[in-house]
Amino acid sequence: MQSLKSHPALLFSLFNQFSSSQSLTSFLSFSTKCRFLHFNETTSMVDYLNSNFQFSKTQSLYISKRVSRGKFPQNPLSVLTFFKQIGFSQSQILSLIRQRPQILFTDVDKILRSKIEFFQMSGFQGPELCSFISKHPSILTHSLKKTLVPSVEAIRKILCDQKDFIFVLHRCGWILPKYKRFMDNAVFLERCGILGTHLALLLKLQPRLFIAQQSTIQNRVSRAVDLGFRENSRMLVHAIHTLSCLSDKTFERKLKLINSFGFSNDEGLQMLKRTPTLFRTSEMKLKFGMKFFLHTVMLPKSVLIHRPHILMYSMEDRVLPRYKVFQLLKSKNLCKKVPSYIHVLCLSEEMFLDKYISQFRENAEELLVAYKGHYLEA
């Protein structure tokens, strides 16, 4: 009986079984029977992997060459069994293999197990662990001691909250292999006065910035300072986030949009300094809000300059419904002293309902209809 090493085509049959509707358990049990089967030696493994697993030609060649060295099926089967035992679904295992086929030939006991246990100890458990690894399989190809451990420790120092830590890693585990660049960028940002909760906030909002070229970060900080944001100020982190989300052309286009409503460049930048997130608002929403507040409500420009955050409110859920209530309060003379619309707009939901709807019992239903657009139970 010929050795399995002489049958690279065995991979064809085993992967065929694995990718069928049968479970991984059936696939593994099938492997014990493979010596009784006959295979077509001329079967192109590369073509098979390309068509059935959407591997690239390079990946398929990589697997084929490794198989020819006699490491199949024992090692890949132990890898598949290991992931199955941890709780990986079949689709997660296939996704992992497609992205990093070399993992099939990784030693479970010497390499994989310790890495999985490390992430379990870091807080990833059950389905969350499986989802994290299958989403970022490249982390299993990096050194545990030289890369993964120091990277996780560095992120933990910034993100003290466990939920934030899990959130950031699950969302962007690809930052782990970039340990040196991550640390260099974190140190630079700290020198600019972005510390503690502000640094943690930036990592949650813009993780890619932490692995960008340092020249890119330096440009973002310099640009923010040129726009009037001071280093060590609490608004600097929001400015950097906004500038990281926009191209220079988009930034200039939104500033020109604000200018078109009669605001000068300086006034537009004042609005940016007070509410850096303003420039991340869509141009359509920004334009609609400007028209509404300046032409319908007839607010002075100075109100928007000093309170640009009102342009960030939801038009459908807050701005327009509260304006209808405000108009109704005035038309029915329900208030001894008519409040300003800005006062009505900026109240919390609870305070607004209590102060301008609940206390007017006789008109509460009508006010609710104006606010919600349909009848609601008080």
Protein backbone atom coordinates (compact mmCIF):
# COMPACT_ATOMS: atom_id res chain seq x y z
CA MET A 1 0.00 0.00 0.00
CA GLN A 2 1.40 3.34 -1.01
CA SER A 3 2.10 6.02 1.59
CA LEU A 4 -0.20 9.02 1.87
CA LYS A 5 2.84 11.15 1.12
CA SER A 6 2.81 9.92 -2.45
CA HIS A 7 -0.76 11.10 -3.02
CA PRO A 8 -0.97 14.89 -3.20
CA ALA A 9 -4.32 14.38 -4.88
CA LEU A 10 -5.64 13.15 -1.54
CA LEU A 11 -6.16 16.80 -0.67
CA PHE A 12 -8.66 16.98 -3.50
CA SER A 13 -10.93 14.37 -1.99
CA LEU A 14 -10.58 15.49 1.61
CA PHE A 15 -11.31 19.14 0.84
CA ASN A 16 -14.18 18.02 -1.37
CA GLN A 17 -15.72 16.21 1.57
CA PHE A 18 -15.06 19.15 3.88
CA SER A 19 -16.67 21.68 1.58
CA SER A 20 -19.77 19.59 1.01
CA SER A 21 -22.91 19.76 3.09
CA GLN A 22 -21.55 17.11 5.44
CA SER A 23 -20.24 18.22 8.82
CA LEU A 24 -16.58 18.53 9.72
CA THR A 25 -17.02 15.42 11.85
CA SER A 26 -17.98 13.43 8.77
CA PHE A 27 -15.01 14.89 6.96
CA LEU A 28 -12.60 13.83 9.67
CA SER A 29 -14.05 10.34 9.89
CA PHE A 30 -13.75 10.09 6.13
CA SER A 31 -10.01 10.64 6.37
CA THR A 32 -9.60 7.32 8.19
CA LYS A 33 -11.05 5.55 5.18
CA CYS A 34 -9.02 7.35 2.55
CA ARG A 35 -6.46 4.59 2.14
CA PHE A 36 -9.14 2.39 0.55
CA LEU A 37 -9.94 4.94 -2.12
CA HIS A 38 -8.37 5.46 -5.52
CA PHE A 39 -7.48 8.89 -6.83
CA ASN A 40 -6.72 10.36 -10.19
CA GLU A 41 -3.06 11.39 -9.94
CA THR A 42 -3.49 13.88 -12.78
CA THR A 43 -6.09 15.93 -10.88
CA SER A 44 -4.92 19.52 -10.69
CA MET A 45 -4.90 20.49 -7.06
CA VAL A 46 -4.31 24.11 -7.95
CA ASP A 47 -7.39 24.21 -10.18
CA TYR A 48 -9.42 22.47 -7.51
CA LEU A 49 -8.44 24.89 -4.75
CA ASN A 50 -9.04 27.86 -7.02
CA SER A 51 -12.53 26.74 -8.01
CA ASN A 52 -13.75 25.34 -4.69
CA PHE A 53 -12.10 27.63 -2.16
CA GLN A 54 -11.42 30.77 -4.16
CA PHE A 55 -7.74 30.55 -3.21
CA SER A 56 -5.39 32.68 -5.24
CA LYS A 57 -3.02 30.81 -7.52
CA THR A 58 -0.16 31.66 -5.16
CA GLN A 59 -2.04 30.22 -2.18
CA SER A 60 -2.96 27.08 -4.07
CA LEU A 61 0.63 26.55 -5.15
CA TYR A 62 1.75 27.12 -1.58
CA ILE A 63 -0.56 24.39 -0.28
CA SER A 64 0.37 22.01 -3.06
CA LYS A 65 4.08 22.38 -2.39
CA ARG A 66 3.64 21.90 1.33
CA VAL A 67 1.56 18.77 0.77
CA SER A 68 4.22 17.32 -1.48
CA ARG A 69 6.61 17.47 1.45
CA GLY A 70 4.55 14.85 3.21
CA LYS A 71 2.92 16.96 5.91
CA PHE A 72 -0.59 16.07 4.77
CA PRO A 73 -2.91 14.80 6.09
CA GLN A 74 -1.70 14.45 9.69
CA ASN A 75 -0.91 18.09 10.50
CA PRO A 76 -3.84 19.76 8.66
CA LEU A 77 -6.23 17.28 10.22
CA SER A 78 -4.95 18.09 13.71
CA VAL A 79 -5.36 21.82 12.95
CA LEU A 80 -8.93 21.33 11.74
CA THR A 81 -9.76 19.17 14.75
CA PHE A 82 -8.27 21.76 17.10
CA PHE A 83 -10.39 24.59 15.71
CA LYS A 84 -13.48 22.37 15.76
CA GLN A 85 -12.91 21.53 19.43
CA ILE A 86 -12.57 25.21 20.34
CA GLY A 87 -15.96 25.91 18.81
CA PHE A 88 -15.23 27.24 15.32
CA SER A 89 -18.03 26.69 12.85
CA GLN A 90 -17.29 25.08 9.52
CA SER A 91 -17.75 28.38 7.69
CA GLN A 92 -15.35 30.11 10.11
CA ILE A 93 -12.72 27.42 9.56
CA LEU A 94 -13.07 27.69 5.79
CA SER A 95 -12.80 31.47 5.98
CA LEU A 96 -9.69 31.19 8.10
CA ILE A 97 -8.06 28.72 5.71
CA ARG A 98 -8.91 30.80 2.66
CA GLN A 99 -7.26 33.87 4.17
CA ARG A 100 -4.22 32.13 5.70
CA PRO A 101 -3.78 28.62 4.23
CA GLN A 102 -0.38 28.26 5.89
CA ILE A 103 -2.17 27.86 9.23
CA LEU A 104 -3.06 24.32 8.09
CA PHE A 105 0.59 23.43 8.51
CA THR A 106 1.16 25.10 11.87
CA ASP A 107 2.01 22.90 14.84
CA VAL A 108 -1.00 22.88 17.16
CA ASP A 109 0.79 22.13 20.43
CA LYS A 110 3.89 24.25 19.86
CA ILE A 111 2.30 27.30 18.25
CA LEU A 112 -1.48 27.50 17.85
CA ARG A 113 -2.62 26.39 21.29
CA SER A 114 -0.53 28.96 23.18
CA LYS A 115 -1.78 31.80 20.98
CA ILE A 116 -5.41 30.80 21.40
CA GLU A 117 -4.97 30.47 25.16
CA PHE A 118 -3.36 33.92 25.26
CA PHE A 119 -6.41 35.54 23.65
CA GLN A 120 -8.71 33.56 25.92
CA MET A 121 -6.83 34.93 28.92
CA SER A 122 -7.11 38.41 27.37
CA GLY A 123 -10.90 38.20 27.53
CA PHE A 124 -12.02 36.52 24.30
CA GLN A 125 -14.24 33.57 25.08
CA GLY A 126 -16.58 31.22 23.18
CA PRO A 127 -18.19 32.56 20.01
CA GLU A 128 -16.47 35.92 20.48
CA LEU A 129 -13.06 34.23 20.30
CA CYS A 130 -13.99 32.26 17.17
CA SER A 131 -15.37 35.36 15.48
CA PHE A 132 -12.27 37.38 16.37
CA ILE A 133 -9.77 34.79 15.09
CA SER A 134 -11.68 34.00 11.89
CA LYS A 135 -11.94 37.73 11.17
CA HIS A 136 -8.23 38.33 11.82
CA PRO A 137 -6.46 35.01 11.09
CA SER A 138 -3.18 36.75 10.27
CA ILE A 139 -2.51 37.24 13.98
CA LEU A 140 -1.92 33.48 14.26
CA THR A 141 1.02 33.78 11.89
CA HIS A 142 2.94 36.22 14.12
CA SER A 143 5.21 35.57 17.07
CA LEU A 144 3.44 35.33 20.40
CA LYS A 145 6.27 36.71 22.53
CA LYS A 146 7.76 39.21 20.10
CA THR A 147 4.56 40.65 18.62
CA LEU A 148 1.22 39.60 20.09
CA VAL A 149 1.99 39.91 23.81
CA PRO A 150 3.67 43.35 23.65
CA SER A 151 0.99 44.64 21.25
CA VAL A 152 -1.86 43.57 23.51
CA GLU A 153 -0.10 45.02 26.56
CA ALA A 154 0.41 48.34 24.76
CA ILE A 155 -3.26 48.54 23.80
CA ARG A 156 -4.33 47.60 27.32
CA LYS A 157 -2.32 50.50 28.74
CA ILE A 158 -4.34 52.89 26.58
CA LEU A 159 -7.72 51.18 26.87
CA CYS A 160 -8.24 50.51 30.56
CA ASP A 161 -11.87 49.49 30.08
CA GLN A 162 -12.22 45.81 29.16
CA LYS A 163 -15.22 46.43 26.90
CA ASP A 164 -13.29 49.07 24.96
CA PHE A 165 -10.31 46.72 24.70
CA ILE A 166 -12.43 43.90 23.25
CA PHE A 167 -14.26 46.33 20.96
CA VAL A 168 -11.08 47.77 19.45
CA LEU A 169 -9.33 44.43 18.97
CA HIS A 170 -12.42 42.79 17.48
CA ARG A 171 -12.91 45.70 15.13
CA CYS A 172 -9.27 46.08 14.07
CA GLY A 173 -7.13 43.15 15.13
CA TRP A 174 -4.90 43.97 12.17
CA ILE A 175 -3.14 46.57 14.33
CA LEU A 176 -1.52 43.82 16.44
CA PRO A 177 1.26 42.90 13.97
CA LYS A 178 2.20 46.60 13.69
CA TYR A 179 3.51 46.82 17.25
CA LYS A 180 6.56 49.05 16.68
CA ARG A 181 4.73 51.60 14.55
CA PHE A 182 1.79 51.56 16.95
CA MET A 183 4.05 52.38 19.89
CA ASP A 184 5.95 55.12 18.02
CA ASN A 185 2.70 56.81 17.01
CA ALA A 186 1.18 56.51 20.49
CA VAL A 187 4.28 58.14 22.01
CA PHE A 188 4.15 60.97 19.45
CA LEU A 189 0.47 61.66 20.17
CA GLU A 190 1.18 61.75 23.90
CA ARG A 191 3.89 64.34 23.27
CA CYS A 192 1.23 66.45 21.54
CA GLY A 193 -0.81 66.39 24.73
CA ILE A 194 -3.25 63.64 23.75
CA LEU A 195 -3.23 61.59 26.93
CA GLY A 196 -5.36 59.21 28.97
CA THR A 197 -9.03 59.17 27.98
CA HIS A 198 -8.35 61.37 24.94
CA LEU A 199 -5.78 58.92 23.58
CA ALA A 200 -8.19 56.06 24.26
CA LEU A 201 -10.96 57.92 22.46
CA LEU A 202 -8.78 58.49 19.40
CA LEU A 203 -7.84 54.80 19.33
CA LYS A 204 -11.52 53.84 19.38
CA LEU A 205 -12.49 56.42 16.76
CA GLN A 206 -9.52 56.23 14.39
CA PRO A 207 -7.43 53.06 14.97
CA ARG A 208 -5.84 53.23 11.51
CA LEU A 209 -4.13 56.45 12.50
CA PHE A 210 -2.04 54.49 15.02
CA ILE A 211 -0.41 52.42 12.29
CA ALA A 212 -0.08 55.18 9.71
CA GLN A 213 3.25 56.66 8.68
CA GLN A 214 4.33 59.07 11.41
CA SER A 215 4.57 61.81 8.80
CA THR A 216 0.83 61.37 8.24
CA ILE A 217 0.08 61.91 11.93
CA GLN A 218 2.44 64.87 12.10
CA ASN A 219 0.60 66.44 9.17
CA ARG A 220 -2.77 65.90 10.88
CA VAL A 221 -1.57 67.54 14.09
CA SER A 222 0.08 70.44 12.24
CA ARG A 223 -3.06 70.99 10.18
CA ALA A 224 -5.22 71.03 13.32
CA VAL A 225 -2.89 73.56 14.99
CA ASP A 226 -2.96 75.74 11.86
CA LEU A 227 -6.77 75.73 12.04
CA GLY A 228 -6.64 77.09 15.58
CA PHE A 229 -6.63 74.00 17.80
CA ARG A 230 -4.08 74.10 20.61
CA GLU A 231 -1.90 71.18 21.60
CA ASN A 232 -2.92 69.80 25.00
CA SER A 233 -6.51 70.99 24.40
CA ARG A 234 -9.38 68.55 24.80
CA MET A 235 -10.68 69.44 21.32
CA LEU A 236 -7.46 68.50 19.51
CA VAL A 237 -8.35 64.81 19.44
CA HIS A 238 -11.69 65.58 17.76
CA ALA A 239 -9.98 67.81 15.21
CA ILE A 240 -7.47 65.09 14.34
CA HIS A 241 -10.30 62.57 13.99
CA THR A 242 -12.20 64.86 11.65
CA LEU A 243 -9.14 65.67 9.54
CA SER A 244 -8.34 61.96 9.31
CA CYS A 245 -11.80 61.29 7.89
CA LEU A 246 -11.70 64.00 5.22
CA SER A 247 -9.56 64.73 2.23
CA ASP A 248 -8.31 68.30 1.85
CA LYS A 249 -10.69 68.77 -1.09
CA THR A 250 -13.71 67.63 0.92
CA PHE A 251 -12.72 69.89 3.81
CA GLU A 252 -12.43 72.92 1.55
CA ARG A 253 -15.70 72.09 -0.19
CA LYS A 254 -17.59 72.02 3.13
CA LEU A 255 -16.00 75.27 4.21
CA LYS A 256 -17.13 76.86 0.92
CA LEU A 257 -20.63 75.51 1.54
CA ILE A 258 -20.73 77.33 4.87
CA ASN A 259 -19.33 80.45 3.16
CA SER A 260 -22.21 80.31 0.64
CA PHE A 261 -24.66 81.10 3.46
CA GLY A 262 -22.89 84.36 4.26
CA PHE A 263 -20.27 83.14 6.75
CA SER A 264 -16.67 84.24 6.39
CA ASN A 265 -13.77 81.79 6.47
CA ASP A 266 -12.96 82.86 10.02
CA GLU A 267 -16.57 82.33 11.10
CA GLY A 268 -16.61 78.89 9.47
CA LEU A 269 -13.41 77.95 11.32
CA GLN A 270 -14.90 79.23 14.58
CA MET A 271 -17.76 76.81 14.06
CA LEU A 272 -15.25 74.02 13.39
CA LYS A 273 -13.31 74.83 16.59
CA ARG A 274 -16.48 74.68 18.68
CA THR A 275 -17.80 71.53 17.00
CA PRO A 276 -15.06 69.64 15.08
CA THR A 277 -17.53 66.90 14.15
CA LEU A 278 -19.48 69.46 12.11
CA PHE A 279 -17.31 68.89 9.06
CA ARG A 280 -18.01 65.14 9.17
CA THR A 281 -21.69 65.91 8.56
CA SER A 282 -22.87 65.17 5.05
CA GLU A 283 -23.05 68.12 2.70
CA MET A 284 -26.75 67.44 2.12
CA LYS A 285 -27.55 67.59 5.84
CA LEU A 286 -25.34 70.63 6.37
CA LYS A 287 -27.03 72.49 3.53
CA PHE A 288 -30.55 71.54 4.67
CA GLY A 289 -29.78 72.58 8.25
CA MET A 290 -28.35 75.92 7.19
CA LYS A 291 -31.42 76.70 5.08
CA PHE A 292 -33.82 75.69 7.84
CA PHE A 293 -32.20 77.60 10.69
CA LEU A 294 -31.38 80.74 8.69
CA HIS A 295 -34.40 80.97 6.37
CA THR A 296 -37.25 79.17 8.18
CA VAL A 297 -36.47 79.77 11.85
CA MET A 298 -34.76 83.05 10.92
CA LEU A 299 -31.93 82.61 13.41
CA PRO A 300 -29.15 85.21 13.36
CA LYS A 301 -25.87 83.88 11.97
CA SER A 302 -24.28 84.51 15.36
CA VAL A 303 -26.39 81.72 16.89
CA LEU A 304 -24.97 79.14 14.49
CA ILE A 305 -21.45 80.48 15.00
CA HIS A 306 -21.73 80.02 18.76
CA ARG A 307 -23.91 76.88 18.70
CA PRO A 308 -22.89 74.95 15.58
CA HIS A 309 -23.74 71.66 17.33
CA ILE A 310 -27.43 72.23 16.54
CA LEU A 311 -26.56 71.49 12.90
CA MET A 312 -25.63 68.00 14.06
CA TYR A 313 -29.07 67.21 15.50
CA SER A 314 -31.34 64.86 13.59
CA MET A 315 -33.67 66.90 11.41
CA GLU A 316 -36.36 64.21 11.34
CA ASP A 317 -36.24 63.10 14.97
CA ARG A 318 -35.50 66.36 16.75
CA VAL A 319 -35.22 69.61 14.83
CA LEU A 320 -38.43 69.56 12.77
CA PRO A 321 -40.71 67.88 15.39
CA ARG A 322 -39.68 70.32 18.13
CA TYR A 323 -40.18 73.24 15.77
CA LYS A 324 -43.76 72.10 15.20
CA VAL A 325 -44.33 71.95 18.96
CA PHE A 326 -42.71 75.36 19.36
CA GLN A 327 -45.03 76.85 16.73
CA LEU A 328 -48.05 75.27 18.42
CA LEU A 329 -47.05 76.63 21.84
CA LYS A 330 -46.89 80.12 20.37
CA SER A 331 -50.11 79.92 18.35
CA LYS A 332 -52.14 78.73 21.36
CA ASN A 333 -50.43 81.06 23.84
CA LEU A 334 -49.75 78.13 26.16
CA CYS A 335 -46.66 79.70 27.72
CA LYS A 336 -46.78 82.84 29.80
CA LYS A 337 -43.31 83.59 28.52
CA VAL A 338 -42.60 82.17 25.10
CA PRO A 339 -39.25 80.32 25.17
CA SER A 340 -36.72 80.67 22.39
CA TYR A 341 -36.68 77.89 19.84
CA ILE A 342 -33.01 77.21 20.65
CA HIS A 343 -33.96 76.63 24.29
CA VAL A 344 -36.66 74.17 23.24
CA LEU A 345 -34.31 72.46 20.80
CA CYS A 346 -31.40 71.96 23.19
CA LEU A 347 -33.32 70.43 26.10
CA SER A 348 -32.88 66.72 26.79
CA GLU A 349 -35.71 64.50 25.59
CA GLU A 350 -36.98 63.93 29.13
CA MET A 351 -36.96 67.62 30.05
CA PHE A 352 -38.58 68.62 26.76
CA LEU A 353 -41.47 66.18 27.18
CA ASP A 354 -41.97 67.17 30.81
CA LYS A 355 -41.76 70.93 30.31
CA TYR A 356 -43.53 71.45 27.00
CA ILE A 357 -45.92 68.54 26.58
CA SER A 358 -46.81 66.74 29.83
CA GLN A 359 -47.67 69.88 31.81
CA PHE A 360 -50.22 71.01 29.20
CA ARG A 361 -52.67 68.21 29.88
CA GLU A 362 -55.55 69.64 27.86
CA ASN A 363 -53.34 70.03 24.82
CA ALA A 364 -50.97 67.11 25.43
CA GLU A 365 -52.46 64.92 22.71
CA GLU A 366 -52.31 67.67 20.10
CA LEU A 367 -48.75 68.51 21.09
CA LEU A 368 -47.76 64.87 20.85
CA VAL A 369 -49.28 64.63 17.39
CA ALA A 370 -47.24 67.65 16.36
CA TYR A 371 -44.13 66.13 17.90
CA LYS A 372 -44.43 62.52 16.73
CA GLY A 373 -46.71 62.89 13.74
CA HIS A 374 -49.23 60.36 15.07
CA TYR A 375 -51.26 59.63 18.19
CA LEU A 376 -49.36 58.30 21.16
CA GLU A 377 -50.48 57.25 24.58
CA ALA A 378 -49.51 59.80 27.24
